């Protein structure tokens, strides 16, 4: 069963990263305030990015990876900007 990693942009502009096997249902849960505490407080906005994975394990691993990224790098991913994503991935330890 496929699972999906998604990025939701909340009403105040914050980005929320999660995974699910049903993005429309999960978005509805966020909208109803049942999704998680964060979206309940700040208001669910729109899902701006969805990525499919073969199983829950792969999706959860990718979610953890993306959660560790900067906002700029997450936005480059959602925009499909491969050049910016590559530049932001470079090591900053000079």
N, C-alpha and C. Protein backbone atom coordinates (compact mmCIF):
# COMPACT_ATOMS: atom_id res chain seq x y z
N UNK A 1 0.85 -1.18 0.00
CA UNK A 1 0.00 0.00 0.00
C UNK A 1 0.89 1.24 0.00
N UNK A 2 0.66 2.15 -0.93
CA UNK A 2 1.49 3.36 -0.96
C UNK A 2 1.17 4.31 0.20
N UNK A 3 2.19 5.02 0.61
CA UNK A 3 2.05 6.09 1.59
C UNK A 3 2.60 7.36 0.97
N UNK A 4 2.21 8.49 1.53
CA UNK A 4 2.56 9.77 0.96
C UNK A 4 3.14 10.68 2.03
N UNK A 5 4.17 11.44 1.65
CA UNK A 5 4.70 12.52 2.48
C UNK A 5 4.06 13.78 1.93
N UNK A 6 3.61 14.65 2.82
CA UNK A 6 2.98 15.88 2.35
C UNK A 6 3.51 17.07 3.15
N UNK A 7 3.46 18.23 2.51
CA UNK A 7 3.78 19.48 3.18
C UNK A 7 2.53 20.34 3.09
N UNK A 8 2.08 20.77 4.26
CA UNK A 8 0.89 21.59 4.37
C UNK A 8 1.33 22.98 4.80
N UNK A 9 0.88 23.98 4.08
CA UNK A 9 1.18 25.36 4.49
C UNK A 9 0.00 25.86 5.30
N UNK A 10 0.25 26.11 6.58
CA UNK A 10 -0.81 26.55 7.47
C UNK A 10 -1.21 27.99 7.16
N UNK A 11 -2.32 28.41 7.72
CA UNK A 11 -2.86 29.75 7.42
C UNK A 11 -1.90 30.87 7.77
N UNK A 12 -1.06 30.66 8.78
CA UNK A 12 -0.12 31.71 9.16
C UNK A 12 1.21 31.60 8.40
N UNK A 13 1.29 30.66 7.45
CA UNK A 13 2.50 30.52 6.63
C UNK A 13 3.45 29.44 7.08
N UNK A 14 3.26 28.91 8.28
CA UNK A 14 4.14 27.83 8.74
C UNK A 14 3.98 26.61 7.86
N UNK A 15 5.03 25.78 7.83
CA UNK A 15 4.98 24.55 7.06
C UNK A 15 4.90 23.36 8.00
N UNK A 16 4.01 22.44 7.71
CA UNK A 16 3.83 21.22 8.48
C UNK A 16 4.13 20.05 7.57
N UNK A 17 4.98 19.13 8.01
CA UNK A 17 5.34 17.96 7.22
C UNK A 17 4.76 16.72 7.91
N UNK A 18 4.11 15.87 7.14
CA UNK A 18 3.54 14.65 7.69
C UNK A 18 3.51 13.55 6.65
N UNK A 19 3.02 12.37 7.07
CA UNK A 19 2.83 11.28 6.12
C UNK A 19 1.50 10.59 6.40
N UNK A 20 0.94 10.00 5.36
CA UNK A 20 -0.37 9.37 5.44
C UNK A 20 -0.55 8.41 4.27
N UNK A 21 -1.56 7.55 4.38
CA UNK A 21 -1.89 6.70 3.24
C UNK A 21 -3.06 7.29 2.43
N UNK A 22 -3.61 8.44 2.91
CA UNK A 22 -4.74 9.06 2.23
C UNK A 22 -4.68 10.58 2.42
N UNK A 23 -3.99 11.30 1.52
CA UNK A 23 -3.84 12.75 1.68
C UNK A 23 -5.15 13.53 1.77
N UNK A 24 -6.18 13.25 0.96
CA UNK A 24 -7.42 14.02 1.10
C UNK A 24 -8.09 13.84 2.48
N UNK A 25 -8.10 12.61 2.98
CA UNK A 25 -8.69 12.37 4.29
C UNK A 25 -7.89 13.07 5.38
N UNK A 26 -6.57 13.00 5.27
CA UNK A 26 -5.72 13.63 6.28
C UNK A 26 -5.89 15.14 6.26
N UNK A 27 -6.02 15.74 5.08
CA UNK A 27 -6.23 17.17 4.99
C UNK A 27 -7.55 17.55 5.65
N UNK A 28 -8.58 16.74 5.41
CA UNK A 28 -9.88 16.99 6.05
C UNK A 28 -9.76 16.93 7.57
N UNK A 29 -8.98 15.99 8.08
CA UNK A 29 -8.76 15.90 9.53
C UNK A 29 -8.09 17.16 10.05
N UNK A 30 -7.09 17.64 9.33
CA UNK A 30 -6.42 18.89 9.73
C UNK A 30 -7.41 20.05 9.72
N UNK A 31 -8.23 20.12 8.68
CA UNK A 31 -9.22 21.19 8.57
C UNK A 31 -10.22 21.18 9.73
N UNK A 32 -10.57 19.98 10.20
CA UNK A 32 -11.53 19.83 11.29
C UNK A 32 -10.89 19.99 12.67
N UNK A 33 -9.57 20.24 12.70
CA UNK A 33 -8.88 20.39 13.96
C UNK A 33 -8.53 19.08 14.63
N UNK A 34 -8.68 17.96 13.91
CA UNK A 34 -8.39 16.64 14.45
C UNK A 34 -7.05 16.10 13.98
N UNK A 35 -6.39 16.83 13.10
CA UNK A 35 -5.16 16.34 12.49
C UNK A 35 -4.00 16.26 13.46
N UNK A 36 -3.75 17.35 14.15
CA UNK A 36 -2.67 17.42 15.13
C UNK A 36 -2.82 18.73 15.89
N UNK A 37 -2.12 18.83 16.97
CA UNK A 37 -2.20 20.02 17.82
C UNK A 37 -1.77 21.28 17.06
N UNK A 38 -0.70 21.18 16.28
CA UNK A 38 -0.14 22.33 15.57
C UNK A 38 -1.15 22.94 14.60
N UNK A 39 -1.75 22.11 13.76
CA UNK A 39 -2.71 22.66 12.80
C UNK A 39 -4.00 23.08 13.50
N UNK A 40 -4.29 22.47 14.62
CA UNK A 40 -5.45 22.89 15.40
C UNK A 40 -5.27 24.30 15.94
N UNK A 41 -4.05 24.64 16.34
CA UNK A 41 -3.75 25.96 16.90
C UNK A 41 -3.62 27.01 15.79
N UNK A 42 -2.84 26.70 14.76
CA UNK A 42 -2.50 27.70 13.75
C UNK A 42 -3.39 27.64 12.51
N UNK A 43 -4.24 26.65 12.40
CA UNK A 43 -5.15 26.56 11.28
C UNK A 43 -4.54 25.88 10.07
N UNK A 44 -5.20 24.83 9.65
CA UNK A 44 -4.73 24.11 8.46
C UNK A 44 -4.97 24.97 7.23
N UNK A 45 -4.03 24.97 6.36
CA UNK A 45 -4.17 25.69 5.10
C UNK A 45 -4.31 24.70 3.98
N UNK A 46 -3.40 24.76 3.04
CA UNK A 46 -3.46 23.90 1.86
C UNK A 46 -2.26 22.96 1.82
N UNK A 47 -2.48 21.77 1.28
CA UNK A 47 -1.36 20.86 1.02
C UNK A 47 -0.69 21.38 -0.24
N UNK A 48 0.60 21.71 -0.12
CA UNK A 48 1.31 22.30 -1.25
C UNK A 48 2.29 21.32 -1.90
N UNK A 49 2.45 20.12 -1.30
CA UNK A 49 3.39 19.16 -1.86
C UNK A 49 2.99 17.76 -1.41
N UNK A 50 3.03 16.80 -2.33
CA UNK A 50 2.76 15.40 -2.02
C UNK A 50 3.77 14.55 -2.78
N UNK A 51 4.30 13.55 -2.09
CA UNK A 51 5.31 12.67 -2.66
C UNK A 51 4.94 11.23 -2.28
N UNK A 52 4.86 10.33 -3.25
CA UNK A 52 4.46 8.94 -2.99
C UNK A 52 5.65 8.06 -2.65
N UNK A 53 5.41 7.12 -1.71
CA UNK A 53 6.42 6.14 -1.31
C UNK A 53 5.79 4.75 -1.25
N UNK A 54 6.58 3.69 -1.40
CA UNK A 54 6.01 2.35 -1.48
C UNK A 54 5.39 1.83 -0.18
N UNK A 55 5.84 2.34 0.96
CA UNK A 55 5.31 1.84 2.23
C UNK A 55 5.47 2.88 3.33
N UNK A 56 4.89 2.58 4.51
CA UNK A 56 4.92 3.51 5.63
C UNK A 56 6.35 3.80 6.10
N UNK A 57 7.18 2.78 6.13
CA UNK A 57 8.56 2.96 6.59
C UNK A 57 9.31 3.98 5.74
N UNK A 58 9.20 3.85 4.42
CA UNK A 58 9.89 4.77 3.52
C UNK A 58 9.34 6.19 3.66
N UNK A 59 8.02 6.31 3.79
CA UNK A 59 7.40 7.63 3.94
C UNK A 59 7.82 8.28 5.26
N UNK A 60 7.85 7.51 6.34
CA UNK A 60 8.24 8.05 7.65
C UNK A 60 9.70 8.50 7.63
N UNK A 61 10.56 7.74 6.97
CA UNK A 61 11.97 8.12 6.88
C UNK A 61 12.12 9.43 6.09
N UNK A 62 11.40 9.56 4.99
CA UNK A 62 11.46 10.79 4.19
C UNK A 62 10.89 11.97 4.96
N UNK A 63 9.81 11.75 5.71
CA UNK A 63 9.24 12.81 6.54
C UNK A 63 10.27 13.33 7.53
N UNK A 64 10.97 12.42 8.21
CA UNK A 64 12.01 12.84 9.17
C UNK A 64 13.11 13.64 8.47
N UNK A 65 13.48 13.21 7.27
CA UNK A 65 14.51 13.92 6.52
C UNK A 65 14.07 15.34 6.21
N UNK A 66 12.88 15.49 5.67
CA UNK A 66 12.38 16.81 5.28
C UNK A 66 12.18 17.70 6.49
N UNK A 67 11.72 17.13 7.60
CA UNK A 67 11.52 17.93 8.82
C UNK A 67 12.82 18.56 9.30
N UNK A 68 13.95 17.97 8.99
CA UNK A 68 15.24 18.51 9.38
C UNK A 68 15.74 19.63 8.48
N UNK A 69 15.05 19.89 7.40
CA UNK A 69 15.46 20.90 6.44
C UNK A 69 15.04 22.30 6.88
N UNK A 70 15.70 23.28 6.31
CA UNK A 70 15.31 24.67 6.53
C UNK A 70 14.01 24.96 5.77
N UNK A 71 13.37 26.04 6.14
CA UNK A 71 12.16 26.47 5.43
C UNK A 71 12.46 26.71 3.95
N UNK A 72 13.59 27.35 3.68
CA UNK A 72 13.97 27.65 2.29
C UNK A 72 14.11 26.38 1.47
N UNK A 73 14.71 25.37 2.05
CA UNK A 73 14.89 24.11 1.33
C UNK A 73 13.55 23.41 1.11
N UNK A 74 12.67 23.45 2.10
CA UNK A 74 11.33 22.87 1.93
C UNK A 74 10.57 23.58 0.82
N UNK A 75 10.66 24.89 0.78
CA UNK A 75 9.96 25.65 -0.27
C UNK A 75 10.55 25.38 -1.65
N UNK A 76 11.86 25.18 -1.72
CA UNK A 76 12.48 24.83 -3.00
C UNK A 76 11.94 23.48 -3.48
N UNK A 77 11.75 22.55 -2.55
CA UNK A 77 11.18 21.25 -2.90
C UNK A 77 9.75 21.41 -3.40
N UNK A 78 8.94 22.18 -2.70
CA UNK A 78 7.54 22.35 -3.10
C UNK A 78 7.42 23.08 -4.44
N UNK A 79 8.37 23.96 -4.73
CA UNK A 79 8.36 24.71 -5.99
C UNK A 79 8.94 23.90 -7.15
N UNK A 80 9.56 22.76 -6.84
CA UNK A 80 10.20 21.97 -7.88
C UNK A 80 11.46 22.62 -8.41
N UNK A 81 12.09 23.46 -7.58
CA UNK A 81 13.28 24.20 -7.97
C UNK A 81 14.53 23.37 -7.66
N UNK A 82 14.93 22.53 -8.60
CA UNK A 82 16.05 21.62 -8.40
C UNK A 82 17.37 22.36 -8.17
N UNK A 83 17.57 23.48 -8.82
CA UNK A 83 18.81 24.24 -8.66
C UNK A 83 18.92 24.78 -7.24
N UNK A 84 17.86 25.42 -6.76
CA UNK A 84 17.88 25.96 -5.39
C UNK A 84 18.00 24.83 -4.39
N UNK A 85 17.31 23.72 -4.63
CA UNK A 85 17.38 22.58 -3.71
C UNK A 85 18.80 22.06 -3.63
N UNK A 86 19.48 21.98 -4.77
CA UNK A 86 20.88 21.53 -4.80
C UNK A 86 21.77 22.52 -4.05
N UNK A 87 21.60 23.81 -4.30
CA UNK A 87 22.42 24.82 -3.64
C UNK A 87 22.21 24.81 -2.13
N UNK A 88 20.97 24.65 -1.70
CA UNK A 88 20.66 24.63 -0.27
C UNK A 88 21.13 23.35 0.41
N UNK A 89 21.39 22.32 -0.37
CA UNK A 89 21.85 21.05 0.19
C UNK A 89 23.35 21.04 0.43
N UNK A 90 24.06 22.01 -0.10
CA UNK A 90 25.51 22.05 0.08
C UNK A 90 25.88 22.26 1.54
N UNK A 91 26.95 21.67 1.92
CA UNK A 91 27.43 21.77 3.30
C UNK A 91 27.80 23.22 3.61
N UNK A 92 27.37 23.69 4.75
CA UNK A 92 27.63 25.08 5.14
C UNK A 92 28.72 25.17 6.21
N UNK A 93 29.44 24.07 6.45
CA UNK A 93 30.50 24.06 7.48
C UNK A 93 31.85 24.40 6.84
N UNK A 94 32.12 25.69 6.73
CA UNK A 94 33.36 26.12 6.09
C UNK A 94 34.42 26.35 7.12
